[in-house]
């Protein structure tokens, strides 16, 4: 399979896996867990599982040069943990729909950062694809029906910070892929993210131990599907595609989240939401098709 096609499939699949985080997280929070607690268990169990797998299969990938630690730590602390925390606090400060819309500004930040840090040109195709993705997201989150927007300057700033954090993760990962193996990036960034969220919980909320088999099954699902599987797909896919394109391909997360919420949470789909999902999907496919045709 050609590299660009493989990269597209892997990054698109990563987005689909990430889309399950909202549904699983909502069920867990309905069972009494705090968002920070869910995030901590998600990253910690995902990190431990991946570390165990690589220790058994190929322990050499866990070796890293000391000069790479700062970059890995920033990607994990800022890009992973920071992005998750910023998003959760944005939801608290402003409406969830607006927080989601701000989060999906990350392809815009990624295009700008990729220009300066990895030399990727923001082509017209990429710019238009990002514009249509944002429009599609507006419809998916029902931005058209928000009769009252709970907006604050701080809330908007934190929401945009979550988008910037994910962009930083993408760019740093792309830079490190030049001389750091994919499993190394995945394990260390998740590890630093898990450590950060554990410390946040320890100092502010304490470590909550969930009860019940069903709750733990859900915790392991959120640790595996939108964490170990998603980050593994994404980093291996990012090796084969540009960061700007990857940021657009990964917006398949929005479509996945919408479909899963309909199937498992009983949320009703409105026609304009389906139109928004179609716009996003067509933007992703058009981006891939043009790359394949003109490369």
C-alpha atoms as a PDB file:
ATOM      1  CA  UNK A   1       0.000   0.000   0.000  1.00  0.00           C
ATOM      2  CA  UNK A   2       1.360   3.433  -0.917  1.00  0.00           C
ATOM      3  CA  UNK A   3       2.508   5.630   1.972  1.00  0.00           C
ATOM      4  CA  UNK A   4       0.033   8.485   1.471  1.00  0.00           C
ATOM      5  CA  UNK A   5      -2.942   6.136   1.254  1.00  0.00           C
ATOM      6  CA  UNK A   6      -1.797   4.304   4.382  1.00  0.00           C
ATOM      7  CA  UNK A   7      -1.294   7.621   6.177  1.00  0.00           C
ATOM      8  CA  UNK A   8      -4.790   8.774   5.217  1.00  0.00           C
ATOM      9  CA  UNK A   9      -6.409   5.533   6.409  1.00  0.00           C
ATOM     10  CA  UNK A  10      -4.532   5.570   9.729  1.00  0.00           C
ATOM     11  CA  UNK A  11      -5.200   9.245  10.545  1.00  0.00           C
ATOM     12  CA  UNK A  12      -8.851   8.976   9.490  1.00  0.00           C
ATOM     13  CA  UNK A  13      -9.166   5.866  11.704  1.00  0.00           C
ATOM     14  CA  UNK A  14      -7.554   7.752  14.584  1.00  0.00           C
ATOM     15  CA  UNK A  15     -10.253  10.406  14.280  1.00  0.00           C
ATOM     16  CA  UNK A  16     -12.980   7.752  14.291  1.00  0.00           C
ATOM     17  CA  UNK A  17     -11.498   6.266  17.475  1.00  0.00           C
ATOM     18  CA  UNK A  18     -11.188   9.697  19.127  1.00  0.00           C
ATOM     19  CA  UNK A  19     -14.877  10.216  18.411  1.00  0.00           C
ATOM     20  CA  UNK A  20     -15.759   7.531  20.959  1.00  0.00           C
ATOM     21  CA  UNK A  21     -14.200   9.543  23.806  1.00  0.00           C
ATOM     22  CA  UNK A  22     -17.203  11.849  24.122  1.00  0.00           C
ATOM     23  CA  UNK A  23     -19.763   9.052  24.387  1.00  0.00           C
ATOM     24  CA  UNK A  24     -17.697   6.935  26.799  1.00  0.00           C
ATOM     25  CA  UNK A  25     -16.743   9.997  28.834  1.00  0.00           C
ATOM     26  CA  UNK A  26     -20.345  11.167  29.111  1.00  0.00           C
ATOM     27  CA  UNK A  27     -21.507   7.757  30.348  1.00  0.00           C
ATOM     28  CA  UNK A  28     -18.711   7.687  32.941  1.00  0.00           C
ATOM     29  CA  UNK A  29     -19.491  11.228  34.103  1.00  0.00           C
ATOM     30  CA  UNK A  30     -23.169  10.298  34.368  1.00  0.00           C
ATOM     31  CA  UNK A  31     -21.969   7.538  36.710  1.00  0.00           C
ATOM     32  CA  UNK A  32     -20.446  10.158  39.000  1.00  0.00           C
ATOM     33  CA  UNK A  33     -16.849  10.538  37.781  1.00  0.00           C
ATOM     34  CA  UNK A  34     -15.353  14.004  37.355  1.00  0.00           C
ATOM     35  CA  UNK A  35     -13.936  14.957  33.923  1.00  0.00           C
ATOM     36  CA  UNK A  36     -10.396  15.234  35.314  1.00  0.00           C
ATOM     37  CA  UNK A  37     -10.704  11.757  36.840  1.00  0.00           C
ATOM     38  CA  UNK A  38     -11.890  10.240  33.564  1.00  0.00           C
ATOM     39  CA  UNK A  39      -9.003  11.903  31.712  1.00  0.00           C
ATOM     40  CA  UNK A  40      -6.463  10.675  34.276  1.00  0.00           C
ATOM     41  CA  UNK A  41      -7.554   7.029  34.075  1.00  0.00           C
ATOM     42  CA  UNK A  42      -7.846   7.238  30.299  1.00  0.00           C
ATOM     43  CA  UNK A  43      -4.237   8.348  29.821  1.00  0.00           C
ATOM     44  CA  UNK A  44      -2.696   6.383  32.694  1.00  0.00           C
ATOM     45  CA  UNK A  45      -4.162   3.001  31.744  1.00  0.00           C
ATOM     46  CA  UNK A  46      -3.487   3.666  28.073  1.00  0.00           C
ATOM     47  CA  UNK A  47       0.133   4.538  28.847  1.00  0.00           C
ATOM     48  CA  UNK A  48       0.663   1.467  31.047  1.00  0.00           C
ATOM     49  CA  UNK A  49      -0.907  -0.856  28.471  1.00  0.00           C
ATOM     50  CA  UNK A  50       1.236   0.456  25.620  1.00  0.00           C
ATOM     51  CA  UNK A  51       4.384   0.362  27.747  1.00  0.00           C
ATOM     52  CA  UNK A  52       3.721  -3.280  28.615  1.00  0.00           C
ATOM     53  CA  UNK A  53       3.086  -4.192  24.969  1.00  0.00           C
ATOM     54  CA  UNK A  54       6.287  -2.560  23.732  1.00  0.00           C
ATOM     55  CA  UNK A  55       8.313  -4.009  26.607  1.00  0.00           C
ATOM     56  CA  UNK A  56       7.213  -7.472  25.514  1.00  0.00           C
ATOM     57  CA  UNK A  57       7.534  -6.946  21.762  1.00  0.00           C
ATOM     58  CA  UNK A  58      10.450  -4.545  21.331  1.00  0.00           C
ATOM     59  CA  UNK A  59      11.811  -2.876  24.488  1.00  0.00           C
ATOM     60  CA  UNK A  60      14.474  -0.974  22.526  1.00  0.00           C
ATOM     61  CA  UNK A  61      11.835   1.491  21.271  1.00  0.00           C
ATOM     62  CA  UNK A  62      11.460   2.770  24.834  1.00  0.00           C
ATOM     63  CA  UNK A  63      15.030   4.032  24.812  1.00  0.00           C
ATOM     64  CA  UNK A  64      15.277   7.727  24.079  1.00  0.00           C
ATOM     65  CA  UNK A  65      18.111  10.205  23.798  1.00  0.00           C
ATOM     66  CA  UNK A  66      18.121  12.691  26.717  1.00  0.00           C
ATOM     67  CA  UNK A  67      18.010  15.660  24.319  1.00  0.00           C
ATOM     68  CA  UNK A  68      14.605  14.453  23.082  1.00  0.00           C
ATOM     69  CA  UNK A  69      13.018  14.445  26.540  1.00  0.00           C
ATOM     70  CA  UNK A  70      12.145  18.198  26.561  1.00  0.00           C
ATOM     71  CA  UNK A  71      10.264  17.934  23.259  1.00  0.00           C
ATOM     72  CA  UNK A  72       8.471  14.756  24.335  1.00  0.00           C
ATOM     73  CA  UNK A  73       7.529  16.305  27.674  1.00  0.00           C
ATOM     74  CA  UNK A  74       6.112  19.471  26.084  1.00  0.00           C
ATOM     75  CA  UNK A  75       4.079  17.374  23.639  1.00  0.00           C
ATOM     76  CA  UNK A  76       2.718  15.284  26.521  1.00  0.00           C
ATOM     77  CA  UNK A  77       2.172  18.010  29.109  1.00  0.00           C
ATOM     78  CA  UNK A  78       0.951  20.796  26.819  1.00  0.00           C
ATOM     79  CA  UNK A  79      -0.353  18.918  23.794  1.00  0.00           C
ATOM     80  CA  UNK A  80      -2.070  15.981  25.488  1.00  0.00           C
ATOM     81  CA  UNK A  81      -2.852  16.878  29.120  1.00  0.00           C
ATOM     82  CA  UNK A  82      -3.120  20.627  28.474  1.00  0.00           C
ATOM     83  CA  UNK A  83      -5.487  20.127  25.563  1.00  0.00           C
ATOM     84  CA  UNK A  84      -7.769  17.844  27.571  1.00  0.00           C
ATOM     85  CA  UNK A  85      -7.857  20.132  30.620  1.00  0.00           C
ATOM     86  CA  UNK A  86      -8.390  23.272  28.541  1.00  0.00           C
ATOM     87  CA  UNK A  87     -11.318  21.666  26.735  1.00  0.00           C
ATOM     88  CA  UNK A  88     -12.979  20.522  29.975  1.00  0.00           C
ATOM     89  CA  UNK A  89     -12.649  23.979  31.516  1.00  0.00           C
ATOM     90  CA  UNK A  90     -13.915  25.636  28.339  1.00  0.00           C
ATOM     91  CA  UNK A  91     -17.065  23.508  28.604  1.00  0.00           C
ATOM     92  CA  UNK A  92     -17.514  24.769  32.174  1.00  0.00           C
ATOM     93  CA  UNK A  93     -16.992  28.429  31.208  1.00  0.00           C
ATOM     94  CA  UNK A  94     -19.006  28.499  27.980  1.00  0.00           C
ATOM     95  CA  UNK A  95     -21.536  26.207  26.316  1.00  0.00           C
ATOM     96  CA  UNK A  96     -20.338  22.750  25.288  1.00  0.00           C
ATOM     97  CA  UNK A  97     -21.286  23.416  21.666  1.00  0.00           C
ATOM     98  CA  UNK A  98     -19.154  26.554  21.469  1.00  0.00           C
ATOM     99  CA  UNK A  99     -16.287  24.745  23.208  1.00  0.00           C
ATOM    100  CA  UNK A 100     -16.392  22.003  20.562  1.00  0.00           C
ATOM    101  CA  UNK A 101     -16.489  24.594  17.775  1.00  0.00           C
ATOM    102  CA  UNK A 102     -13.447  26.379  19.234  1.00  0.00           C
ATOM    103  CA  UNK A 103     -11.602  23.078  19.673  1.00  0.00           C
ATOM    104  CA  UNK A 104     -12.000  22.315  15.987  1.00  0.00           C
ATOM    105  CA  UNK A 105     -10.131  25.467  15.116  1.00  0.00           C
ATOM    106  CA  UNK A 106      -7.026  23.295  15.564  1.00  0.00           C
ATOM    107  CA  UNK A 107      -6.572  22.665  11.811  1.00  0.00           C
ATOM    108  CA  UNK A 108      -6.214  26.450  11.408  1.00  0.00           C
ATOM    109  CA  UNK A 109      -3.472  26.610  14.038  1.00  0.00           C
ATOM    110  CA  UNK A 110      -1.839  23.513  12.571  1.00  0.00           C
ATOM    111  CA  UNK A 111      -1.640  25.031   9.091  1.00  0.00           C
ATOM    112  CA  UNK A 112      -0.004  28.176  10.497  1.00  0.00           C
ATOM    113  CA  UNK A 113       2.452  26.329  12.741  1.00  0.00           C
ATOM    114  CA  UNK A 114       3.314  23.804  10.018  1.00  0.00           C
ATOM    115  CA  UNK A 115       4.344  26.664   7.732  1.00  0.00           C
ATOM    116  CA  UNK A 116       6.955  27.920  10.191  1.00  0.00           C
ATOM    117  CA  UNK A 117       8.156  24.740  11.907  1.00  0.00           C
ATOM    118  CA  UNK A 118       8.042  22.011   9.261  1.00  0.00           C
ATOM    119  CA  UNK A 119       7.991  24.060   6.063  1.00  0.00           C
ATOM    120  CA  UNK A 120       4.556  22.976   4.824  1.00  0.00           C
ATOM    121  CA  UNK A 121       2.866  25.426   2.478  1.00  0.00           C
ATOM    122  CA  UNK A 122      -0.766  26.370   3.301  1.00  0.00           C
ATOM    123  CA  UNK A 123      -2.168  25.613  -0.163  1.00  0.00           C
ATOM    124  CA  UNK A 124      -5.576  26.829  -1.303  1.00  0.00           C
ATOM    125  CA  UNK A 125      -6.880  23.263  -1.076  1.00  0.00           C
ATOM    126  CA  UNK A 126      -5.899  23.059   2.596  1.00  0.00           C
ATOM    127  CA  UNK A 127      -7.307  26.507   3.391  1.00  0.00           C
ATOM    128  CA  UNK A 128     -10.657  25.787   1.741  1.00  0.00           C
ATOM    129  CA  UNK A 129     -10.829  22.337   3.349  1.00  0.00           C
ATOM    130  CA  UNK A 130     -10.309  23.885   6.792  1.00  0.00           C
ATOM    131  CA  UNK A 131     -12.965  26.528   6.096  1.00  0.00           C
ATOM    132  CA  UNK A 132     -15.515  23.891   5.110  1.00  0.00           C
ATOM    133  CA  UNK A 133     -14.608  21.711   8.111  1.00  0.00           C
ATOM    134  CA  UNK A 134     -15.302  24.655  10.442  1.00  0.00           C
ATOM    135  CA  UNK A 135     -18.622  25.334   8.676  1.00  0.00           C
ATOM    136  CA  UNK A 136     -19.529  21.654   8.927  1.00  0.00           C
ATOM    137  CA  UNK A 137     -18.639  21.612  12.614  1.00  0.00           C
ATOM    138  CA  UNK A 138     -20.878  24.666  13.156  1.00  0.00           C
ATOM    139  CA  UNK A 139     -23.830  22.685  11.820  1.00  0.00           C
ATOM    140  CA  UNK A 140     -22.916  19.479  13.666  1.00  0.00           C
ATOM    141  CA  UNK A 141     -22.861  21.237  17.064  1.00  0.00           C
ATOM    142  CA  UNK A 142     -26.131  23.015  16.163  1.00  0.00           C
ATOM    143  CA  UNK A 143     -24.585  26.457  16.257  1.00  0.00           C
ATOM    144  CA  UNK A 144     -27.567  27.680  14.241  1.00  0.00           C
ATOM    145  CA  UNK A 145     -29.975  26.963  17.125  1.00  0.00           C
ATOM    146  CA  UNK A 146     -28.049  28.509  20.010  1.00  0.00           C
ATOM    147  CA  UNK A 147     -30.623  30.992  21.280  1.00  0.00           C
ATOM    148  CA  UNK A 148     -28.334  32.116  24.078  1.00  0.00           C
ATOM    149  CA  UNK A 149     -24.596  31.988  23.877  1.00  0.00           C
ATOM    150  CA  UNK A 150     -22.877  31.814  27.225  1.00  0.00           C
ATOM    151  CA  UNK A 151     -19.696  33.556  26.160  1.00  0.00           C
ATOM    152  CA  UNK A 152     -16.921  35.018  28.262  1.00  0.00           C
ATOM    153  CA  UNK A 153     -13.530  36.264  27.186  1.00  0.00           C
ATOM    154  CA  UNK A 154     -11.840  33.722  29.422  1.00  0.00           C
ATOM    155  CA  UNK A 155     -14.012  30.886  28.128  1.00  0.00           C
ATOM    156  CA  UNK A 156     -13.233  31.685  24.495  1.00  0.00           C
ATOM    157  CA  UNK A 157      -9.519  32.016  25.303  1.00  0.00           C
ATOM    158  CA  UNK A 158      -9.462  28.642  27.071  1.00  0.00           C
ATOM    159  CA  UNK A 159     -11.396  27.028  24.213  1.00  0.00           C
ATOM    160  CA  UNK A 160      -8.895  28.335  21.670  1.00  0.00           C
ATOM    161  CA  UNK A 161      -6.078  27.205  23.971  1.00  0.00           C
ATOM    162  CA  UNK A 162      -7.378  23.638  23.699  1.00  0.00           C
ATOM    163  CA  UNK A 163      -7.203  23.893  19.898  1.00  0.00           C
ATOM    164  CA  UNK A 164      -3.695  25.352  20.053  1.00  0.00           C
ATOM    165  CA  UNK A 165      -2.582  22.565  22.407  1.00  0.00           C
ATOM    166  CA  UNK A 166      -3.653  19.845  19.964  1.00  0.00           C
ATOM    167  CA  UNK A 167      -1.908  21.698  17.141  1.00  0.00           C
ATOM    168  CA  UNK A 168       1.284  21.856  19.192  1.00  0.00           C
ATOM    169  CA  UNK A 169       1.054  18.097  19.745  1.00  0.00           C
ATOM    170  CA  UNK A 170       0.736  17.479  16.011  1.00  0.00           C
ATOM    171  CA  UNK A 171       3.620  19.760  15.041  1.00  0.00           C
ATOM    172  CA  UNK A 172       5.995  18.509  17.733  1.00  0.00           C
ATOM    173  CA  UNK A 173       5.175  14.911  16.823  1.00  0.00           C
ATOM    174  CA  UNK A 174       5.824  15.628  13.141  1.00  0.00           C
ATOM    175  CA  UNK A 175       9.179  17.228  13.982  1.00  0.00           C
ATOM    176  CA  UNK A 176      10.218  14.330  16.235  1.00  0.00           C
ATOM    177  CA  UNK A 177       9.260  11.703  13.645  1.00  0.00           C
ATOM    178  CA  UNK A 178      12.385  12.674  11.709  1.00  0.00           C
ATOM    179  CA  UNK A 179      14.621  10.827  14.171  1.00  0.00           C
ATOM    180  CA  UNK A 180      12.402   9.311  16.882  1.00  0.00           C
ATOM    181  CA  UNK A 181      10.480   6.064  16.395  1.00  0.00           C
ATOM    182  CA  UNK A 182       6.680   6.139  16.433  1.00  0.00           C
ATOM    183  CA  UNK A 183       6.222   3.907  19.531  1.00  0.00           C
ATOM    184  CA  UNK A 184       8.664   6.097  21.476  1.00  0.00           C
ATOM    185  CA  UNK A 185       6.622   9.229  20.774  1.00  0.00           C
ATOM    186  CA  UNK A 186       3.338   7.523  21.658  1.00  0.00           C
ATOM    187  CA  UNK A 187       4.527   6.047  24.957  1.00  0.00           C
ATOM    188  CA  UNK A 188       6.421   9.081  26.241  1.00  0.00           C
ATOM    189  CA  UNK A 189       3.821  11.705  25.313  1.00  0.00           C
ATOM    190  CA  UNK A 190       1.032   9.643  26.884  1.00  0.00           C
ATOM    191  CA  UNK A 191       3.271   9.057  29.905  1.00  0.00           C
ATOM    192  CA  UNK A 192       3.970  12.750  30.463  1.00  0.00           C
ATOM    193  CA  UNK A 193       0.283  13.523  29.902  1.00  0.00           C
ATOM    194  CA  UNK A 194      -0.790  10.854  32.391  1.00  0.00           C
ATOM    195  CA  UNK A 195       1.689  12.119  34.992  1.00  0.00           C
ATOM    196  CA  UNK A 196       0.401  15.671  34.591  1.00  0.00           C
ATOM    197  CA  UNK A 197      -3.242  14.682  35.017  1.00  0.00           C
ATOM    198  CA  UNK A 198      -2.405  12.462  37.989  1.00  0.00           C
ATOM    199  CA  UNK A 199      -0.703  15.401  39.725  1.00  0.00           C
ATOM    200  CA  UNK A 200      -3.649  17.686  38.912  1.00  0.00           C
ATOM    201  CA  UNK A 201      -6.074  15.192  40.449  1.00  0.00           C
ATOM    202  CA  UNK A 202      -3.807  14.586  43.433  1.00  0.00           C
ATOM    203  CA  UNK A 203      -3.485  18.266  44.326  1.00  0.00           C
ATOM    204  CA  UNK A 204      -6.999  19.483  43.514  1.00  0.00           C
ATOM    205  CA  UNK A 205      -9.454  16.575  43.755  1.00  0.00           C
ATOM    206  CA  UNK A 206      -7.629  13.630  45.279  1.00  0.00           C
ATOM    207  CA  UNK A 207      -7.445  10.240  43.571  1.00  0.00           C
ATOM    208  CA  UNK A 208     -10.941   8.811  43.231  1.00  0.00           C
ATOM    209  CA  UNK A 209     -11.202   5.007  42.965  1.00  0.00           C
ATOM    210  CA  UNK A 210     -14.279   4.023  40.915  1.00  0.00           C
ATOM    211  CA  UNK A 211     -16.520   1.148  41.959  1.00  0.00           C
ATOM    212  CA  UNK A 212     -18.418  -1.399  39.892  1.00  0.00           C
ATOM    213  CA  UNK A 213     -17.465  -3.719  37.040  1.00  0.00           C
ATOM    214  CA  UNK A 214     -19.434  -1.721  34.467  1.00  0.00           C
ATOM    215  CA  UNK A 215     -17.570   1.474  35.343  1.00  0.00           C
ATOM    216  CA  UNK A 216     -14.192  -0.229  35.034  1.00  0.00           C
ATOM    217  CA  UNK A 217     -15.160  -1.791  31.700  1.00  0.00           C
ATOM    218  CA  UNK A 218     -15.995   1.691  30.414  1.00  0.00           C
ATOM    219  CA  UNK A 219     -12.700   3.045  31.795  1.00  0.00           C
ATOM    220  CA  UNK A 220     -10.740   0.349  29.973  1.00  0.00           C
ATOM    221  CA  UNK A 221     -12.698   1.035  26.785  1.00  0.00           C
ATOM    222  CA  UNK A 222     -11.905   4.766  26.931  1.00  0.00           C
ATOM    223  CA  UNK A 223      -8.266   3.906  27.672  1.00  0.00           C
ATOM    224  CA  UNK A 224      -8.065   1.586  24.672  1.00  0.00           C
ATOM    225  CA  UNK A 225     -10.222   2.951  21.822  1.00  0.00           C
ATOM    226  CA  UNK A 226      -9.740   6.763  21.898  1.00  0.00           C
ATOM    227  CA  UNK A 227      -6.335   6.546  23.575  1.00  0.00           C
ATOM    228  CA  UNK A 228      -4.025   3.616  22.791  1.00  0.00           C
ATOM    229  CA  UNK A 229      -5.625   2.815  19.423  1.00  0.00           C
ATOM    230  CA  UNK A 230      -6.252   6.433  18.384  1.00  0.00           C
ATOM    231  CA  UNK A 231      -2.805   7.799  19.281  1.00  0.00           C
ATOM    232  CA  UNK A 232      -1.099   4.762  17.713  1.00  0.00           C
ATOM    233  CA  UNK A 233      -3.033   5.149  14.462  1.00  0.00           C
ATOM    234  CA  UNK A 234      -2.389   8.887  14.423  1.00  0.00           C
ATOM    235  CA  UNK A 235       1.371   8.867  15.007  1.00  0.00           C
ATOM    236  CA  UNK A 236       1.993   6.035  12.520  1.00  0.00           C
ATOM    237  CA  UNK A 237      -0.248   7.863  10.024  1.00  0.00           C
ATOM    238  CA  UNK A 238       1.425  11.222  10.626  1.00  0.00           C
ATOM    239  CA  UNK A 239       4.701   9.627   9.539  1.00  0.00           C
ATOM    240  CA  UNK A 240       3.245   9.369   6.023  1.00  0.00           C
ATOM    241  CA  UNK A 241       1.281  12.617   5.579  1.00  0.00           C
ATOM    242  CA  UNK A 242       1.798  16.325   6.126  1.00  0.00           C
ATOM    243  CA  UNK A 243       0.743  17.748   9.479  1.00  0.00           C
ATOM    244  CA  UNK A 244      -1.724  20.143   7.844  1.00  0.00           C
ATOM    245  CA  UNK A 245      -3.439  17.338   5.961  1.00  0.00           C
ATOM    246  CA  UNK A 246      -3.434  15.126   9.055  1.00  0.00           C
ATOM    247  CA  UNK A 247      -5.245  17.824  11.040  1.00  0.00           C
ATOM    248  CA  UNK A 248      -8.007  17.818   8.426  1.00  0.00           C
ATOM    249  CA  UNK A 249      -8.196  14.032   8.040  1.00  0.00           C
ATOM    250  CA  UNK A 250      -8.531  13.639  11.827  1.00  0.00           C
ATOM    251  CA  UNK A 251     -11.716  15.720  11.884  1.00  0.00           C
ATOM    252  CA  UNK A 252     -13.442  12.424  11.087  1.00  0.00           C
ATOM    253  CA  UNK A 253     -13.708  12.503  14.892  1.00  0.00           C
ATOM    254  CA  UNK A 254     -16.666  14.890  14.624  1.00  0.00           C
ATOM    255  CA  UNK A 255     -18.597  12.539  12.349  1.00  0.00           C
ATOM    256  CA  UNK A 256     -17.794   9.541  14.542  1.00  0.00           C
ATOM    257  CA  UNK A 257     -18.888  11.365  17.702  1.00  0.00           C
ATOM    258  CA  UNK A 258     -22.178  12.388  16.081  1.00  0.00           C
ATOM    259  CA  UNK A 259     -23.010   8.852  14.906  1.00  0.00           C
ATOM    260  CA  UNK A 260     -22.008   7.219  18.204  1.00  0.00           C
ATOM    261  CA  UNK A 261     -24.062   9.720  20.219  1.00  0.00           C
ATOM    262  CA  UNK A 262     -27.059   8.826  18.050  1.00  0.00           C
ATOM    263  CA  UNK A 263     -26.502   5.071  18.442  1.00  0.00           C
ATOM    264  CA  UNK A 264     -25.574   4.845  22.128  1.00  0.00           C
ATOM    265  CA  UNK A 265     -26.898   7.990  23.812  1.00  0.00           C
ATOM    266  CA  UNK A 266     -30.165   8.262  21.918  1.00  0.00           C
ATOM    267  CA  UNK A 267     -29.428  11.803  20.749  1.00  0.00           C
ATOM    268  CA  UNK A 268     -31.663  12.922  17.909  1.00  0.00           C
ATOM    269  CA  UNK A 269     -29.999  13.876  14.631  1.00  0.00           C
ATOM    270  CA  UNK A 270     -31.312  16.991  12.938  1.00  0.00           C
ATOM    271  CA  UNK A 271     -31.127  17.377   9.141  1.00  0.00           C
ATOM    272  CA  UNK A 272     -28.664  20.267   9.367  1.00  0.00           C
ATOM    273  CA  UNK A 273     -26.389  18.185  11.589  1.00  0.00           C
ATOM    274  CA  UNK A 274     -26.281  15.517   8.896  1.00  0.00           C
ATOM    275  CA  UNK A 275     -25.548  18.230   6.333  1.00  0.00           C
ATOM    276  CA  UNK A 276     -22.651  19.393   8.512  1.00  0.00           C
ATOM    277  CA  UNK A 277     -21.279  15.860   8.796  1.00  0.00           C
ATOM    278  CA  UNK A 278     -21.524  15.475   5.010  1.00  0.00           C
ATOM    279  CA  UNK A 279     -19.630  18.750   4.489  1.00  0.00           C
ATOM    280  CA  UNK A 280     -16.824  17.559   6.776  1.00  0.00           C
ATOM    281  CA  UNK A 281     -16.634  14.150   5.103  1.00  0.00           C
ATOM    282  CA  UNK A 282     -16.546  15.661   1.607  1.00  0.00           C
ATOM    283  CA  UNK A 283     -13.822  18.094   2.709  1.00  0.00           C
ATOM    284  CA  UNK A 284     -11.689  15.197   3.957  1.00  0.00           C
ATOM    285  CA  UNK A 285     -12.236  13.091   0.822  1.00  0.00           C
ATOM    286  CA  UNK A 286     -11.606  16.064  -1.491  1.00  0.00           C
ATOM    287  CA  UNK A 287      -8.358  16.832   0.316  1.00  0.00           C
ATOM    288  CA  UNK A 288      -7.170  13.237  -0.065  1.00  0.00           C
ATOM    289  CA  UNK A 289      -8.320  12.967  -3.686  1.00  0.00           C
ATOM    290  CA  UNK A 290      -6.522  16.163  -4.732  1.00  0.00           C
ATOM    291  CA  UNK A 291      -3.338  15.068  -2.973  1.00  0.00           C
ATOM    292  CA  UNK A 292      -3.463  11.702  -4.732  1.00  0.00           C
ATOM    293  CA  UNK A 293      -4.230  13.247  -8.124  1.00  0.00           C
ATOM    294  CA  UNK A 294      -1.650  16.048  -8.122  1.00  0.00           C
ATOM    295  CA  UNK A 295       1.194  14.451  -6.147  1.00  0.00           C
END
